Amino acid sequence: MTPARPAPTAAVTVVGIGADGWQGLPHTSRAALLDAETVLGGPRQLALLPPECGAQRVPWPSPLRPAVPGLLAAHAGRRIAVLASGDPMFHGIGRTLTELLGPDAVHVLPHPSSVTLACARLGWPAEDTEVVTLVGRPTARLAAALHHGRRLLVLSADAGTPADVAALLRDRGYGPSRMRVLEQLGGPRERTTDWTTADDHTGPEDGADPLNVVAVDCRRAPGTPHLGAVPGLPDTAYEHDGQLTKRHVRAATLAVLAPAPGELLWDVGGGSGSIAVEWLRTHPACRAVTVERDPHRAARIARNADRLGVPGLHVVTGTAPAALAGLDRPDAVFIGGGLTTPGLLDACWDALPPGGRLVANTVTLESEALLADARRRLGGELVRLAVAHAVPVGGFTGWRQAMPVTQWAVEKTPGPTGPGASAPGADR
């Protein structure tokens, strides 16, 4: 006989609940709620509890996260349960609580998530379906996930999200995409409706239930530029004034910057922001800060980031190195301009942790000499990138050479950290 599992000793029990309410909960979840002295949750979730659940019901305030420690402290010593929609660990309150209290202090009883239910209704394999949440996030972030033939599930913020999604699909050249809005999944009022992106959907009769998920079969309209998932987007994808790391050099630069999920990039001398934008597009968990001294260019960077689906790019308007003060420590730094500014290279190098990468591009002889000296002292690789394009020459075709770019790329190793220190193996 299998011994009974001991009751959890966690400070907080988090119970996932669906649109089917109390009736859809398993015995273990019901028992946890009946045993609780305080139940925290959103007004909609709390309203699903039956009268026999006699715990004090405390709705979450807004904004939620800053209030969580105080609420837990106010109810310390009581048996606390938290109600959450679906799976609390999937874009839910479970993450916040485990980050604040530690995983051992939180006992999670999940319910099928809206994504699980939506995939079941649509017949979509969950592992082949990309999920984008717009809860508390700008609609523009959906643009980075738009690829012809992909299936997306969009977690809606409210009843207006489907109309916002339809407008974005039209604007980004994905008007032919098929949209379905799945409402009240798992509940008695569940329904699925087909939407067309050509309709406005702004009238009261067009609104969706606030509890909805949007399913998108992505279809690119003819003539819409193909924006791939790897670095090297077409130059025409960017609004710029000529200060743009061109496509082929950009792809080579991102290759040596080597973005990985969760890493932070400093893009110093942002120009059009193309390096930071494409760093962010490699993975949703990537982070980036771009520093640009010209306010007009800084505003342009923000527009490019929004257009290309990475509105989370942090744009700092100011002159480096002073503008770098107070920024989170980067995993990688790209210097695209201002190399000859006194103290800039030193500040960027000092900010990097061991294992961090620094990449600098230049087209001037003065900055090239500076990079050659940096390689002598710190090591790394010095490369000249030359690109030529075929252009008409009378009735024929010839090559037009673009200005060559000198690139220095180096990884910081443990040891002396100042630019004055010599790297092992560097030229003396």
Protein backbone atom coordinates (compact mmCIF):
# COMPACT_ATOMS: atom_id res chain seq x y z
CA MET A 1 0.00 0.00 0.00
CA THR A 2 1.39 3.40 -1.01
CA PRO A 3 1.83 5.65 2.03
CA ALA A 4 -0.29 8.78 2.07
CA ARG A 5 1.47 11.89 0.89
CA PRO A 6 2.00 14.32 3.77
CA ALA A 7 0.00 17.53 3.68
CA PRO A 8 1.98 20.48 2.28
CA THR A 9 3.51 22.81 4.82
CA ALA A 10 3.77 25.72 2.40
CA ALA A 11 2.79 29.17 3.59
CA VAL A 12 0.49 29.70 0.62
CA THR A 13 -1.60 27.29 -1.46
CA VAL A 14 -2.35 28.46 -4.99
CA VAL A 15 -5.43 26.93 -6.61
CA GLY A 16 -6.09 27.14 -10.32
CA ILE A 17 -9.74 27.47 -11.28
CA GLY A 18 -11.44 27.49 -14.66
CA ALA A 19 -14.53 29.10 -16.14
CA ASP A 20 -16.47 26.02 -14.94
CA GLY A 21 -15.93 27.25 -11.39
CA TRP A 22 -16.31 25.17 -8.26
CA GLN A 23 -17.84 22.23 -10.10
CA GLY A 24 -14.74 21.82 -12.22
CA LEU A 25 -12.32 21.61 -9.29
CA PRO A 26 -10.91 18.28 -8.13
CA HIS A 27 -11.32 17.20 -4.50
CA THR A 28 -7.81 18.31 -3.48
CA SER A 29 -8.38 21.86 -4.72
CA ARG A 30 -11.79 22.10 -3.06
CA ALA A 31 -10.36 20.83 0.22
CA ALA A 32 -7.60 23.45 0.16
CA LEU A 33 -10.11 26.26 -0.34
CA LEU A 34 -12.52 24.95 2.32
CA ASP A 35 -9.63 24.72 4.78
CA ALA A 36 -8.34 28.24 4.09
CA GLU A 37 -8.97 31.13 6.45
CA THR A 38 -8.09 33.76 3.82
CA VAL A 39 -8.55 33.48 0.05
CA LEU A 40 -6.84 36.05 -2.19
CA GLY A 41 -7.80 36.43 -5.84
CA GLY A 42 -9.33 38.53 -8.55
CA PRO A 43 -12.99 39.52 -8.14
CA ARG A 44 -14.01 37.16 -10.97
CA GLN A 45 -12.29 34.15 -9.38
CA LEU A 46 -13.56 34.95 -5.87
CA ALA A 47 -17.13 35.13 -7.20
CA LEU A 48 -16.84 31.48 -8.28
CA LEU A 49 -16.55 30.26 -4.67
CA PRO A 50 -19.68 28.75 -3.09
CA PRO A 51 -21.18 29.93 0.25
CA GLU A 52 -19.75 26.93 2.11
CA CYS A 53 -16.28 28.32 1.50
CA GLY A 54 -16.27 30.52 4.58
CA ALA A 55 -12.80 32.05 4.29
CA GLN A 56 -12.31 35.79 4.24
CA ARG A 57 -12.23 36.83 0.57
CA VAL A 58 -9.66 39.49 -0.29
CA PRO A 59 -9.54 40.87 -3.85
CA TRP A 60 -6.20 41.78 -5.37
CA PRO A 61 -5.53 45.52 -5.67
CA SER A 62 -4.03 47.11 -8.76
CA PRO A 63 -1.13 47.18 -9.40
CA LEU A 64 -0.88 43.66 -8.02
CA ARG A 65 2.80 42.76 -7.58
CA PRO A 66 3.83 45.66 -5.30
CA ALA A 67 0.88 44.87 -3.01
CA VAL A 68 1.55 41.14 -2.58
CA PRO A 69 4.13 41.32 0.27
CA GLY A 70 1.92 43.63 2.33
CA LEU A 71 -1.18 41.48 1.86
CA LEU A 72 0.65 38.32 2.84
CA ALA A 73 2.09 40.06 5.90
CA ALA A 74 -1.36 41.31 6.90
CA HIS A 75 -2.67 37.73 6.92
CA ALA A 76 0.41 36.04 8.38
CA GLY A 77 -0.39 33.16 10.71
CA ARG A 78 -3.59 32.32 8.85
CA ARG A 79 -4.11 29.54 6.34
CA ILE A 80 -3.85 31.42 3.03
CA ALA A 81 -5.09 30.24 -0.36
CA VAL A 82 -4.77 32.12 -3.62
CA LEU A 83 -7.18 31.67 -6.53
CA ALA A 84 -5.80 31.93 -10.06
CA SER A 85 -7.09 31.36 -13.56
CA GLY A 86 -6.12 28.00 -15.02
CA ASP A 87 -2.50 27.03 -14.45
CA PRO A 88 -1.02 29.51 -11.93
CA MET A 89 2.51 28.81 -13.17
CA PHE A 90 1.70 29.74 -16.78
CA HIS A 91 1.72 33.55 -17.03
CA GLY A 92 0.02 33.57 -13.63
CA ILE A 93 0.33 34.61 -10.00
CA GLY A 94 2.26 31.43 -9.18
CA ARG A 95 5.41 32.92 -10.68
CA THR A 96 5.13 36.10 -8.60
CA LEU A 97 4.60 34.15 -5.38
CA THR A 98 7.46 31.71 -5.94
CA GLU A 99 9.82 34.59 -6.78
CA LEU A 100 8.82 36.45 -3.61
CA LEU A 101 8.55 33.53 -1.18
CA GLY A 102 10.62 30.76 -2.75
CA PRO A 103 9.23 27.55 -4.26
CA ASP A 104 9.18 25.68 -0.93
CA ALA A 105 6.75 28.21 0.53
CA VAL A 106 4.18 27.84 -2.26
CA HIS A 107 2.03 24.79 -2.97
CA VAL A 108 0.44 24.93 -6.44
CA LEU A 109 -2.69 23.00 -7.47
CA PRO A 110 -3.02 23.70 -11.21
CA HIS A 111 -6.10 23.56 -13.43
CA PRO A 112 -5.95 23.09 -17.24
CA SER A 113 -4.76 26.40 -18.72
CA SER A 114 -6.64 28.34 -21.36
CA VAL A 115 -3.88 27.34 -23.79
CA THR A 116 -4.43 23.64 -23.10
CA LEU A 117 -8.19 24.03 -23.58
CA ALA A 118 -7.79 26.15 -26.72
CA CYS A 119 -5.42 23.65 -28.35
CA ALA A 120 -7.88 20.86 -27.52
CA ARG A 121 -10.75 22.75 -29.16
CA LEU A 122 -8.74 23.73 -32.24
CA GLY A 123 -6.96 20.41 -32.71
CA TRP A 124 -3.60 22.17 -32.55
CA PRO A 125 -0.59 20.35 -31.05
CA ALA A 126 0.46 22.46 -28.07
CA GLU A 127 4.17 21.95 -28.78
CA ASP A 128 3.78 23.49 -32.25
CA THR A 129 1.74 26.48 -31.09
CA GLU A 130 3.39 29.74 -30.04
CA VAL A 131 1.81 31.62 -27.14
CA VAL A 132 1.97 35.40 -26.87
CA THR A 133 0.53 37.13 -23.83
CA LEU A 134 -0.86 40.65 -24.12
CA VAL A 135 -1.91 40.81 -20.47
CA GLY A 136 -0.31 44.02 -19.24
CA ARG A 137 1.82 44.21 -22.38
CA PRO A 138 1.59 46.23 -25.60
CA THR A 139 -0.12 44.71 -28.62
CA ALA A 140 2.96 45.55 -30.72
CA ARG A 141 4.90 42.61 -29.21
CA LEU A 142 2.72 40.28 -31.29
CA ALA A 143 4.45 41.51 -34.47
CA ALA A 144 7.66 39.61 -33.68
CA ALA A 145 5.74 36.31 -33.76
CA LEU A 146 4.17 36.85 -37.19
CA HIS A 147 5.55 34.31 -39.64
CA HIS A 148 3.66 32.80 -42.55
CA GLY A 149 2.14 29.43 -41.64
CA ARG A 150 2.64 29.77 -37.88
CA ARG A 151 -0.14 29.19 -35.37
CA LEU A 152 -0.42 31.62 -32.50
CA LEU A 153 -2.50 31.75 -29.35
CA VAL A 154 -2.83 35.24 -27.94
CA LEU A 155 -3.72 35.60 -24.25
CA SER A 156 -6.05 38.58 -24.16
CA ALA A 157 -5.98 41.42 -21.68
CA ASP A 158 -9.68 42.21 -22.04
CA ALA A 159 -12.66 42.28 -24.40
CA GLY A 160 -10.87 44.76 -26.69
CA THR A 161 -7.81 42.60 -27.38
CA PRO A 162 -9.26 40.70 -30.39
CA ALA A 163 -9.99 43.98 -32.19
CA ASP A 164 -6.46 45.20 -31.39
CA VAL A 165 -5.02 41.96 -32.76
CA ALA A 166 -7.08 42.30 -35.94
CA ALA A 167 -5.85 45.87 -36.44
CA LEU A 168 -2.22 44.85 -35.96
CA LEU A 169 -2.54 41.98 -38.43
CA ARG A 170 -3.93 44.36 -41.04
CA ASP A 171 -1.21 46.92 -40.38
CA ARG A 172 1.67 44.45 -40.52
CA GLY A 173 0.57 42.80 -43.77
CA TYR A 174 -1.08 39.73 -42.25
CA GLY A 175 -4.66 40.63 -43.12
CA PRO A 176 -5.40 37.22 -44.76
CA SER A 177 -4.74 35.44 -41.43
CA ARG A 178 -7.60 33.42 -39.97
CA MET A 179 -8.70 34.63 -36.53
CA ARG A 180 -10.84 32.76 -34.04
CA VAL A 181 -11.86 34.08 -30.63
CA LEU A 182 -12.42 31.44 -27.94
CA GLU A 183 -14.44 32.74 -25.00
CA GLN A 184 -15.14 31.35 -21.52
CA LEU A 185 -13.15 28.19 -22.26
CA GLY A 186 -14.29 25.25 -20.15
CA GLY A 187 -17.37 27.06 -18.84
CA PRO A 188 -21.08 26.78 -19.63
CA ARG A 189 -20.92 29.93 -21.80
CA GLU A 190 -18.02 28.73 -23.93
CA ARG A 191 -18.13 29.69 -27.59
CA THR A 192 -15.78 30.08 -30.55
CA THR A 193 -16.34 32.74 -33.22
CA ASP A 194 -14.55 33.37 -36.51
CA TRP A 195 -13.30 36.91 -37.02
CA THR A 196 -12.05 38.58 -40.15
CA THR A 197 -9.29 41.14 -39.89
CA ALA A 198 -11.05 43.21 -42.56
CA ASP A 199 -13.84 44.14 -40.13
CA ASP A 200 -13.52 46.92 -37.59
CA HIS A 201 -15.07 45.06 -34.62
CA THR A 202 -15.44 48.24 -32.61
CA GLY A 203 -19.22 48.30 -32.09
CA PRO A 204 -20.79 46.97 -28.88
CA GLU A 205 -22.29 44.05 -30.77
CA ASP A 206 -18.81 43.04 -31.97
CA GLY A 207 -17.10 42.89 -28.58
CA ALA A 208 -15.74 39.65 -27.19
CA ASP A 209 -16.19 38.29 -23.70
CA PRO A 210 -13.41 39.67 -21.46
CA LEU A 211 -12.29 36.08 -20.78
CA ASN A 212 -10.99 35.16 -24.23
CA VAL A 213 -8.08 33.72 -26.16
CA VAL A 214 -7.35 34.66 -29.79
CA ALA A 215 -6.19 31.96 -32.21
CA VAL A 216 -4.33 33.16 -35.31
CA ASP A 217 -3.40 31.13 -38.40
CA CYS A 218 -0.75 33.46 -39.82
CA ARG A 219 -1.02 34.24 -43.52
CA ARG A 220 1.16 36.93 -45.10
CA ALA A 221 -0.45 39.13 -47.74
CA PRO A 222 1.18 39.20 -51.21
CA GLY A 223 3.85 41.87 -51.35
CA THR A 224 4.44 41.95 -47.60
CA PRO A 225 8.20 41.79 -46.87
CA HIS A 226 9.45 38.51 -45.45
CA LEU A 227 10.99 39.19 -42.03
CA GLY A 228 12.83 36.11 -40.90
CA ALA A 229 13.59 34.85 -37.43
CA VAL A 230 17.39 35.25 -37.75
CA PRO A 231 19.39 38.50 -37.79
CA GLY A 232 19.80 40.34 -41.06
CA LEU A 233 16.39 41.89 -41.75
CA PRO A 234 16.13 43.93 -44.96
CA ASP A 235 17.36 47.50 -44.54
CA THR A 236 13.92 48.63 -45.76
CA ALA A 237 12.40 47.19 -42.56
CA TYR A 238 13.84 50.18 -40.68
CA GLU A 239 13.08 53.87 -40.61
CA HIS A 240 16.48 55.58 -40.65
CA ASP A 241 18.44 58.65 -41.72
CA GLY A 242 21.43 56.72 -43.04
CA GLN A 243 22.74 55.81 -39.57
CA LEU A 244 22.01 52.11 -39.98
CA THR A 245 24.20 49.04 -39.61
CA LYS A 246 23.57 47.53 -43.03
CA ARG A 247 22.03 44.12 -43.43
CA HIS A 248 25.05 41.91 -44.08
CA VAL A 249 27.26 43.63 -41.51
CA ARG A 250 24.36 43.50 -39.03
CA ALA A 251 24.02 39.74 -39.46
CA ALA A 252 27.77 39.26 -38.93
CA THR A 253 27.68 41.53 -35.87
CA LEU A 254 24.81 39.66 -34.22
CA ALA A 255 26.62 36.38 -34.89
CA VAL A 256 29.58 37.42 -32.72
CA LEU A 257 27.39 39.15 -30.11
CA ALA A 258 25.77 35.70 -29.76
CA PRO A 259 22.50 36.55 -27.97
CA ALA A 260 21.13 33.93 -25.60
CA PRO A 261 17.76 33.83 -23.77
CA GLY A 262 17.64 36.22 -20.82
CA GLU A 263 20.80 38.13 -21.71
CA LEU A 264 21.05 41.93 -21.70
CA LEU A 265 22.66 43.98 -24.50
CA TRP A 266 23.92 47.53 -24.36
CA ASP A 267 23.69 49.06 -27.87
CA VAL A 268 25.82 52.20 -27.59
CA GLY A 269 25.32 54.76 -30.34
CA GLY A 270 21.99 53.28 -31.38
CA GLY A 271 21.44 55.09 -34.70
CA SER A 272 18.32 53.32 -35.95
CA GLY A 273 18.40 50.69 -33.19
CA SER A 274 18.76 47.80 -35.63
CA ILE A 275 21.30 45.82 -33.56
CA ALA A 276 19.20 46.04 -30.38
CA VAL A 277 15.98 45.27 -32.27
CA GLU A 278 17.38 42.12 -33.83
CA TRP A 279 19.01 41.04 -30.58
CA LEU A 280 15.54 41.17 -28.99
CA ARG A 281 13.90 39.31 -31.88
CA THR A 282 16.14 36.27 -31.35
CA HIS A 283 14.24 35.26 -28.18
CA PRO A 284 11.38 36.75 -26.13
CA ALA A 285 13.50 36.61 -22.96
CA CYS A 286 16.32 38.74 -24.41
CA ARG A 287 16.67 42.30 -23.07
CA ALA A 288 18.32 45.36 -24.55
CA VAL A 289 19.12 48.99 -23.83
CA THR A 290 20.09 51.36 -26.61
CA VAL A 291 21.85 54.65 -25.90
CA GLU A 292 21.47 57.45 -28.45
CA ARG A 293 22.39 61.09 -27.92
CA ASP A 294 20.16 62.52 -30.68
CA PRO A 295 16.53 62.80 -29.48
CA HIS A 296 15.13 62.49 -33.01
CA ARG A 297 17.04 59.27 -33.58
CA ALA A 298 16.03 58.00 -30.14
CA ALA A 299 12.36 58.51 -31.05
CA ARG A 300 12.98 56.75 -34.36
CA ILE A 301 14.53 53.79 -32.53
CA ALA A 302 11.40 53.46 -30.41
CA ARG A 303 9.22 53.47 -33.55
CA ASN A 304 11.38 50.78 -35.17
CA ALA A 305 11.18 48.63 -32.05
CA ASP A 306 7.41 48.98 -31.92
CA ARG A 307 6.99 48.23 -35.61
CA LEU A 308 9.17 45.12 -35.48
CA GLY A 309 7.53 43.62 -32.41
CA VAL A 310 9.98 44.44 -29.61
CA PRO A 311 8.41 47.42 -27.82
CA GLY A 312 10.26 46.44 -24.65
CA LEU A 313 13.51 47.95 -25.99
CA HIS A 314 14.70 50.51 -23.42
CA VAL A 315 15.81 53.67 -25.21
CA VAL A 316 18.09 56.01 -23.26
CA THR A 317 18.55 59.47 -24.73
CA GLY A 318 21.96 60.73 -23.69
CA THR A 319 25.67 60.70 -24.41
CA ALA A 320 27.80 57.73 -23.41
CA PRO A 321 29.68 57.05 -21.22
CA ALA A 322 27.76 59.30 -18.80
CA ALA A 323 24.41 57.85 -19.97
CA LEU A 324 25.55 54.33 -19.02
CA ALA A 325 25.53 55.11 -15.30
CA GLY A 326 22.87 53.20 -13.40
CA LEU A 327 22.10 50.70 -16.16
CA ASP A 328 21.92 46.99 -15.31
CA ARG A 329 25.16 45.12 -15.96
CA PRO A 330 25.20 43.85 -19.56
CA ASP A 331 26.05 40.41 -20.91
CA ALA A 332 27.16 41.96 -24.19
CA VAL A 333 27.98 45.43 -25.49
CA PHE A 334 27.87 46.71 -29.05
CA ILE A 335 29.55 50.04 -29.83
CA GLY A 336 28.29 51.36 -33.12
CA GLY A 337 29.34 54.97 -32.71
CA GLY A 338 31.39 57.33 -30.55
CA LEU A 339 34.42 55.07 -30.19
CA THR A 340 36.77 58.03 -29.95
CA THR A 341 34.80 59.55 -27.05
CA PRO A 342 37.19 59.62 -24.06
CA GLY A 343 36.42 56.90 -21.55
CA LEU A 344 33.72 55.15 -23.61
CA LEU A 345 35.56 51.93 -24.40
CA ASP A 346 36.90 51.76 -20.82
CA ALA A 347 33.41 52.15 -19.33
CA CYS A 348 31.93 49.47 -21.58
CA TRP A 349 34.76 47.03 -20.87
CA ASP A 350 34.60 47.60 -17.11
CA ALA A 351 30.83 47.00 -17.09
CA LEU A 352 31.14 43.52 -18.61
CA PRO A 353 31.29 40.46 -16.34
CA PRO A 354 33.64 37.56 -17.11
CA GLY A 355 32.25 35.80 -20.17
CA GLY A 356 30.72 39.02 -21.46
CA ARG A 357 31.22 40.00 -25.09
CA LEU A 358 32.15 43.35 -26.59
CA VAL A 359 31.82 44.09 -30.30
CA ALA A 360 32.73 47.40 -31.93
CA ASN A 361 32.34 48.42 -35.58
CA THR A 362 33.96 51.38 -37.32
CA VAL A 363 34.62 52.79 -40.79
CA THR A 364 37.13 55.50 -39.86
CA LEU A 365 40.91 55.20 -39.69
CA GLU A 366 41.01 56.97 -36.33
CA SER A 367 38.67 54.48 -34.68
CA GLU A 368 40.33 51.59 -36.50
CA ALA A 369 43.65 52.50 -34.88
CA LEU A 370 41.92 52.56 -31.50
CA LEU A 371 40.50 49.06 -32.11
CA ALA A 372 43.89 47.72 -33.20
CA ASP A 373 45.39 49.00 -29.94
CA ALA A 374 42.54 47.48 -27.94
CA ARG A 375 43.16 44.11 -29.57
CA ARG A 376 46.86 44.35 -28.71
CA ARG A 377 46.05 44.88 -25.05
CA LEU A 378 42.91 42.79 -24.59
CA GLY A 379 42.99 40.14 -27.30
CA GLY A 380 39.97 39.23 -29.34
CA GLU A 381 39.52 39.13 -33.09
CA LEU A 382 39.90 41.95 -35.58
CA VAL A 383 38.01 41.46 -38.86
CA ARG A 384 37.43 43.63 -41.93
CA LEU A 385 34.00 43.17 -43.49
CA ALA A 386 33.64 44.20 -47.12
CA VAL A 387 30.41 43.92 -49.09
CA ALA A 388 29.86 44.71 -52.77
CA HIS A 389 26.52 44.98 -54.55
CA ALA A 390 25.80 44.36 -58.21
CA VAL A 391 24.63 47.59 -59.91
CA PRO A 392 23.97 48.68 -63.51
CA VAL A 393 27.01 49.93 -65.41
CA GLY A 394 25.64 51.31 -68.65
CA GLY A 395 23.98 48.34 -70.32
CA PHE A 396 25.95 45.90 -68.16
CA THR A 397 26.34 45.02 -64.49
CA GLY A 398 29.26 45.66 -62.19
CA TRP A 399 30.19 45.69 -58.53
CA ARG A 400 29.88 48.70 -56.25
CA GLN A 401 31.96 48.35 -53.10
CA ALA A 402 30.39 49.53 -49.85
CA MET A 403 32.65 51.23 -47.32
CA PRO A 404 34.53 48.45 -45.48
CA VAL A 405 33.78 47.95 -41.79
CA THR A 406 36.45 47.06 -39.25
CA GLN A 407 35.07 44.93 -36.43
CA TRP A 408 36.69 44.03 -33.12
CA ALA A 409 35.09 41.25 -31.09
CA VAL A 410 36.37 40.08 -27.71
CA GLU A 411 35.16 37.96 -24.81
CA LYS A 412 36.14 39.03 -21.33
CA THR A 413 38.02 36.38 -19.37
CA PRO A 414 38.70 36.31 -15.62
CA GLY A 415 41.78 38.29 -14.62
CA PRO A 416 42.85 41.93 -14.96
CA THR A 417 39.80 43.95 -15.92
CA GLY A 418 41.04 47.38 -17.03
CA PRO A 419 41.68 48.31 -20.69
CA GLY A 420 45.29 48.93 -19.68
CA ALA A 421 45.74 45.26 -18.81
CA SER A 422 47.27 42.90 -21.35
CA ALA A 423 45.33 39.82 -22.38
CA PRO A 424 47.05 36.43 -22.44
CA GLY A 425 48.31 35.82 -25.94
CA ALA A 426 47.79 39.41 -27.07
CA ASP A 427 50.53 41.05 -29.13
CA ARG A 428 53.09 42.89 -26.98
